[in-house]
Amino acid sequence: MVPAIALSIGGSDSGGGAGIQADLKTFLALQVHGCSAITCVTAQNTCGVNRVDGLPPEALTAQIEAVLSDLPVAALKTGMLLNRALIQATAAALRPLAIPRLIDPVMVSRAGSVLLEADAIEAYQRELLPLAELITPNIHEARLLSGLPVQSAVDVERAAAALLELGSGAVLIKGGGLADLRGCDYLLQRQGSGQWLRHAPVDTPHSHGSGCTLGAAITAFQARGVPLPDAVQQAKRFVEQGLRFGLAIGSGQGPLCHWHPWLDSDG
């Protein structure tokens, strides 16, 4: 058996709910072999993040090169990159690649916690987003990257159009940060009109890692050859089910479940 292979470039979550850990669990659940390149190490649990230590950019480059020199990676995603140097190292590694590249511009959590250094936003805009087939910002990140207010569905559509101008092939803005848009995400592709993708909102406090999981699921489906719009739709279904089986572990916000009953289109 030779499975599809996907690569996640991002931060380690010691609590196992988000970041590299969530990505690898998602890849496994969707029958894709997952590889990783770690950008930073976080000390965190269900109650919050206590410390973040970035790796040297040379260490990140070495990890990516080790994977790509040996394994036929079919799609990749990025997550938490933390600072300008790590963003630049990631962009340099991605530039020659001709595979689906999902950039999750992890800057601000859904709750509003800042997750990168202040001077890194311009590096995202100039160096990394133009290399993306798809970018997947949340509401806060869409606001930061576009420079526009994002408080309504109309604002989301305007921000997506502005973000597309930064060079990516498509934009998926996750609407969960706005009460009126829970369960709603907006997909705008360079070729074609925008569309709202909806599922019934799941009322659970245990949603830690849902953004990482969505991006990883899209990446996994693309690694298996699923076209982007269908990959997004199937990934949303996967996340919705994961939220329905959210894990009530720890004293704070638990993660969604990655081993929930799942049956994809291939059976």
Protein backbone atom coordinates (compact mmCIF):
# COMPACT_ATOMS: atom_id res chain seq x y z
CA MET A 1 0.00 0.00 0.00
CA VAL A 2 1.34 3.44 -0.97
CA PRO A 3 -0.75 6.15 0.71
CA ALA A 4 -0.95 9.80 -0.27
CA ILE A 5 1.50 11.93 1.70
CA ALA A 6 0.90 15.38 3.17
CA LEU A 7 3.21 17.78 5.02
CA SER A 8 2.30 20.11 7.87
CA ILE A 9 4.59 23.04 8.69
CA GLY A 10 3.63 24.56 12.03
CA GLY A 11 3.85 24.69 15.80
CA SER A 12 3.71 21.90 18.36
CA ASP A 13 0.82 21.97 20.86
CA SER A 14 1.88 20.16 24.04
CA GLY A 15 -1.79 19.64 24.93
CA GLY A 16 -2.36 17.75 21.68
CA GLY A 17 -5.40 19.74 20.58
CA ALA A 18 -4.14 21.97 17.77
CA GLY A 19 -1.08 22.62 15.62
CA ILE A 20 1.06 19.79 14.33
CA GLN A 21 -0.67 17.28 16.60
CA ALA A 22 -4.14 18.11 15.24
CA ASP A 23 -2.85 18.03 11.68
CA LEU A 24 -1.27 14.59 12.02
CA LYS A 25 -4.41 13.18 13.66
CA THR A 26 -6.49 14.57 10.80
CA PHE A 27 -4.19 13.13 8.14
CA LEU A 28 -4.36 9.72 9.82
CA ALA A 29 -8.16 9.81 10.12
CA LEU A 30 -8.39 10.56 6.39
CA GLN A 31 -5.93 7.79 5.42
CA VAL A 32 -3.05 10.08 4.47
CA HIS A 33 0.51 9.66 5.72
CA GLY A 34 1.43 12.82 7.59
CA CYS A 35 4.88 14.41 7.78
CA SER A 36 5.80 17.46 9.84
CA ALA A 37 8.23 20.35 10.07
CA ILE A 38 8.04 22.12 13.44
CA THR A 39 8.40 25.90 13.57
CA CYS A 40 7.94 26.48 17.28
CA VAL A 41 7.22 24.64 20.51
CA THR A 42 4.38 25.79 22.73
CA ALA A 43 3.72 24.97 26.35
CA GLN A 44 -0.07 24.84 26.48
CA ASN A 45 -3.08 22.90 27.68
CA THR A 46 -6.86 23.30 27.52
CA CYS A 47 -6.63 26.46 29.64
CA GLY A 48 -4.22 28.42 27.45
CA VAL A 49 -0.70 29.00 26.15
CA ASN A 50 2.02 29.49 28.77
CA ARG A 51 5.12 29.79 26.57
CA VAL A 52 6.20 29.80 22.93
CA ASP A 53 9.74 29.10 21.70
CA GLY A 54 10.55 29.54 18.03
CA LEU A 55 13.05 27.24 16.35
CA PRO A 56 15.93 28.66 14.30
CA PRO A 57 14.91 29.07 10.65
CA GLU A 58 17.80 26.79 9.66
CA ALA A 59 16.24 23.99 11.72
CA LEU A 60 12.91 24.47 9.93
CA THR A 61 14.56 24.46 6.51
CA ALA A 62 16.44 21.25 7.35
CA GLN A 63 13.21 19.50 8.34
CA ILE A 64 11.40 20.50 5.16
CA GLU A 65 14.34 19.53 2.97
CA ALA A 66 14.68 16.16 4.71
CA VAL A 67 11.04 15.34 4.02
CA LEU A 68 10.90 16.61 0.44
CA SER A 69 14.18 14.96 -0.58
CA ASP A 70 12.82 11.50 0.22
CA LEU A 71 9.02 11.46 0.27
CA PRO A 72 6.62 12.33 -2.57
CA VAL A 73 4.55 14.93 -0.72
CA ALA A 74 1.29 15.50 -2.63
CA ALA A 75 0.01 18.55 -0.70
CA LEU A 76 1.06 20.69 2.24
CA LYS A 77 -0.22 23.23 4.72
CA THR A 78 1.34 25.79 7.00
CA GLY A 79 0.14 26.79 10.44
CA MET A 80 1.82 28.81 13.20
CA LEU A 81 4.98 30.45 11.84
CA LEU A 82 5.51 32.96 14.70
CA ASN A 83 8.01 35.41 13.19
CA ARG A 84 9.45 36.96 10.03
CA ALA A 85 12.47 34.65 9.84
CA LEU A 86 10.33 31.50 9.96
CA ILE A 87 7.91 32.92 7.38
CA GLN A 88 10.81 33.73 5.05
CA ALA A 89 12.32 30.26 5.50
CA THR A 90 8.94 28.68 4.74
CA ALA A 91 8.42 30.83 1.65
CA ALA A 92 11.88 29.91 0.32
CA ALA A 93 11.09 26.21 0.74
CA LEU A 94 7.66 26.46 -0.89
CA ARG A 95 8.62 28.64 -3.85
CA PRO A 96 9.86 25.84 -6.15
CA LEU A 97 7.02 23.44 -5.34
CA ALA A 98 4.15 22.70 -7.73
CA ILE A 99 1.79 20.93 -5.33
CA PRO A 100 -1.34 22.24 -3.54
CA ARG A 101 -0.20 24.67 -0.83
CA LEU A 102 -2.63 25.75 1.88
CA ILE A 103 -1.53 28.71 4.00
CA ASP A 104 -3.37 29.05 7.29
CA PRO A 105 -2.12 32.49 8.40
CA VAL A 106 -2.14 31.76 12.12
CA MET A 107 -1.95 35.23 13.62
CA VAL A 108 -4.84 35.58 16.04
CA SER A 109 -6.92 32.87 17.71
CA ARG A 110 -10.69 32.92 17.36
CA ALA A 111 -10.78 34.31 20.92
CA GLY A 112 -8.48 37.17 19.90
CA SER A 113 -5.10 36.02 21.31
CA VAL A 114 -2.16 37.20 19.18
CA LEU A 115 -0.03 34.28 17.96
CA LEU A 116 2.78 35.93 16.01
CA GLU A 117 5.28 38.76 16.34
CA ALA A 118 4.19 42.21 15.21
CA ASP A 119 6.57 42.60 12.26
CA ALA A 120 5.51 39.33 10.66
CA ILE A 121 2.28 40.49 9.01
CA GLU A 122 4.05 42.19 6.11
CA ALA A 123 6.17 39.07 5.55
CA TYR A 124 2.98 37.03 5.26
CA GLN A 125 1.52 39.48 2.76
CA ARG A 126 4.60 39.90 0.59
CA GLU A 127 6.31 36.53 0.69
CA LEU A 128 3.98 33.70 1.63
CA LEU A 129 0.41 34.46 0.56
CA PRO A 130 1.32 34.80 -3.15
CA LEU A 131 2.56 31.18 -3.02
CA ALA A 132 -0.74 29.79 -1.71
CA GLU A 133 -3.33 27.86 -3.65
CA LEU A 134 -5.65 28.59 -0.73
CA ILE A 135 -5.44 30.80 2.36
CA THR A 136 -7.75 30.14 5.33
CA PRO A 137 -7.87 33.15 7.68
CA ASN A 138 -10.34 33.49 10.52
CA ILE A 139 -12.23 36.76 11.00
CA HIS A 140 -9.44 38.44 13.02
CA GLU A 141 -6.77 37.39 10.52
CA ALA A 142 -8.86 38.53 7.55
CA ARG A 143 -9.13 41.92 9.25
CA LEU A 144 -5.38 42.17 9.83
CA LEU A 145 -4.35 41.03 6.36
CA SER A 146 -6.92 43.03 4.38
CA GLY A 147 -6.89 46.17 6.53
CA LEU A 148 -10.69 46.22 6.30
CA PRO A 149 -13.37 46.02 9.01
CA VAL A 150 -14.99 42.58 9.11
CA GLN A 151 -18.23 42.64 11.08
CA SER A 152 -20.81 41.18 8.69
CA ALA A 153 -21.26 38.80 5.77
CA VAL A 154 -20.86 41.66 3.31
CA ASP A 155 -17.61 42.66 5.02
CA VAL A 156 -16.37 39.07 4.72
CA GLU A 157 -16.98 39.12 0.97
CA ARG A 158 -15.15 42.44 0.59
CA ALA A 159 -12.22 41.23 2.67
CA ALA A 160 -11.98 38.02 0.62
CA ALA A 161 -11.79 40.04 -2.59
CA ALA A 162 -9.06 42.22 -1.09
CA LEU A 163 -7.11 39.18 0.13
CA LEU A 164 -7.28 37.59 -3.31
CA GLU A 165 -5.38 40.62 -4.59
CA LEU A 166 -2.43 39.59 -2.42
CA GLY A 167 -1.79 36.77 -4.89
CA SER A 168 -3.25 33.50 -3.59
CA GLY A 169 -5.36 31.29 -5.83
CA ALA A 170 -8.33 31.23 -3.46
CA VAL A 171 -9.47 32.51 -0.07
CA LEU A 172 -11.60 30.72 2.52
CA ILE A 173 -12.60 33.06 5.35
CA LYS A 174 -13.82 31.15 8.40
CA GLY A 175 -16.87 32.92 9.79
CA GLY A 176 -17.01 31.34 13.23
CA GLY A 177 -15.58 34.45 14.90
CA LEU A 178 -18.87 36.28 14.28
CA ALA A 179 -21.98 35.11 16.12
CA ASP A 180 -24.17 35.52 13.04
CA LEU A 181 -21.81 33.46 10.86
CA ARG A 182 -21.25 30.37 13.02
CA GLY A 183 -20.99 27.37 10.71
CA CYS A 184 -20.55 29.64 7.69
CA ASP A 185 -17.36 30.04 5.64
CA TYR A 186 -16.87 32.05 2.46
CA LEU A 187 -14.86 30.60 -0.44
CA LEU A 188 -13.68 32.89 -3.22
CA GLN A 189 -11.60 31.49 -6.07
CA ARG A 190 -9.69 33.49 -8.65
CA GLN A 191 -11.57 31.65 -11.36
CA GLY A 192 -15.28 31.77 -10.45
CA SER A 193 -17.68 33.55 -8.14
CA GLY A 194 -17.68 33.39 -4.35
CA GLN A 195 -19.86 30.96 -2.44
CA TRP A 196 -21.02 30.64 1.14
CA LEU A 197 -20.51 27.15 2.57
CA ARG A 198 -22.80 26.38 5.49
CA HIS A 199 -23.38 23.68 8.06
CA ALA A 200 -25.49 23.70 11.18
CA PRO A 201 -23.51 25.34 14.02
CA VAL A 202 -22.48 22.88 16.72
CA ASP A 203 -23.03 24.15 20.25
CA THR A 204 -19.93 22.93 22.10
CA PRO A 205 -17.16 24.57 24.12
CA HIS A 206 -14.75 21.88 22.93
CA SER A 207 -13.56 23.30 19.61
CA HIS A 208 -9.83 23.80 20.21
CA GLY A 209 -7.94 23.02 17.02
CA SER A 210 -10.93 23.30 14.70
CA GLY A 211 -9.17 25.75 12.37
CA CYS A 212 -6.05 23.61 12.16
CA THR A 213 -8.19 20.54 11.55
CA LEU A 214 -10.12 22.21 8.73
CA GLY A 215 -6.92 23.17 6.94
CA ALA A 216 -5.41 19.72 7.49
CA ALA A 217 -8.54 18.00 6.19
CA ILE A 218 -8.55 20.14 3.04
CA THR A 219 -4.86 19.30 2.57
CA ALA A 220 -5.49 15.58 3.09
CA PHE A 221 -8.29 15.49 0.54
CA GLN A 222 -6.18 17.41 -1.96
CA ALA A 223 -3.29 15.00 -1.40
CA ARG A 224 -5.73 12.27 -2.41
CA GLY A 225 -6.56 14.12 -5.62
CA VAL A 226 -9.86 15.76 -4.62
CA PRO A 227 -10.40 19.13 -6.39
CA LEU A 228 -10.26 22.18 -4.13
CA PRO A 229 -13.99 23.07 -3.89
CA ASP A 230 -14.92 19.47 -3.09
CA ALA A 231 -12.01 19.16 -0.67
CA VAL A 232 -13.29 22.20 1.24
CA GLN A 233 -16.83 20.82 1.41
CA GLN A 234 -15.68 17.40 2.63
CA ALA A 235 -13.32 18.98 5.15
CA LYS A 236 -16.17 21.04 6.59
CA ARG A 237 -18.18 17.86 7.07
CA PHE A 238 -15.24 16.25 8.85
CA VAL A 239 -14.85 19.21 11.22
CA GLU A 240 -18.58 19.39 11.88
CA GLN A 241 -18.57 15.76 13.00
CA GLY A 242 -15.45 16.34 15.07
CA LEU A 243 -17.21 19.15 16.92
CA ARG A 244 -20.25 16.96 17.58
CA PHE A 245 -17.94 14.47 19.33
CA GLY A 246 -15.81 17.15 21.06
CA LEU A 247 -13.58 15.90 23.88
CA ALA A 248 -14.44 17.19 27.36
CA ILE A 249 -10.89 16.80 28.69
CA GLY A 250 -8.91 19.08 30.99
CA SER A 251 -10.22 22.09 32.87
CA GLY A 252 -10.72 24.40 29.88
CA GLN A 253 -11.59 24.23 26.19
CA GLY A 254 -11.13 20.68 24.97
CA PRO A 255 -10.36 19.76 21.36
CA LEU A 256 -12.68 18.39 18.75
CA CYS A 257 -12.48 14.64 18.18
CA HIS A 258 -10.44 13.34 15.26
CA TRP A 259 -11.50 9.69 15.42
CA HIS A 260 -15.25 10.22 15.19
CA PRO A 261 -17.40 8.02 12.93
CA TRP A 262 -16.45 9.13 9.45
CA LEU A 263 -17.34 7.87 6.01
CA ASP A 264 -15.99 9.84 3.05
CA SER A 265 -17.02 9.69 -0.56
CA ASP A 266 -14.71 6.74 -1.24
CA GLY A 267 -16.42 4.64 1.46
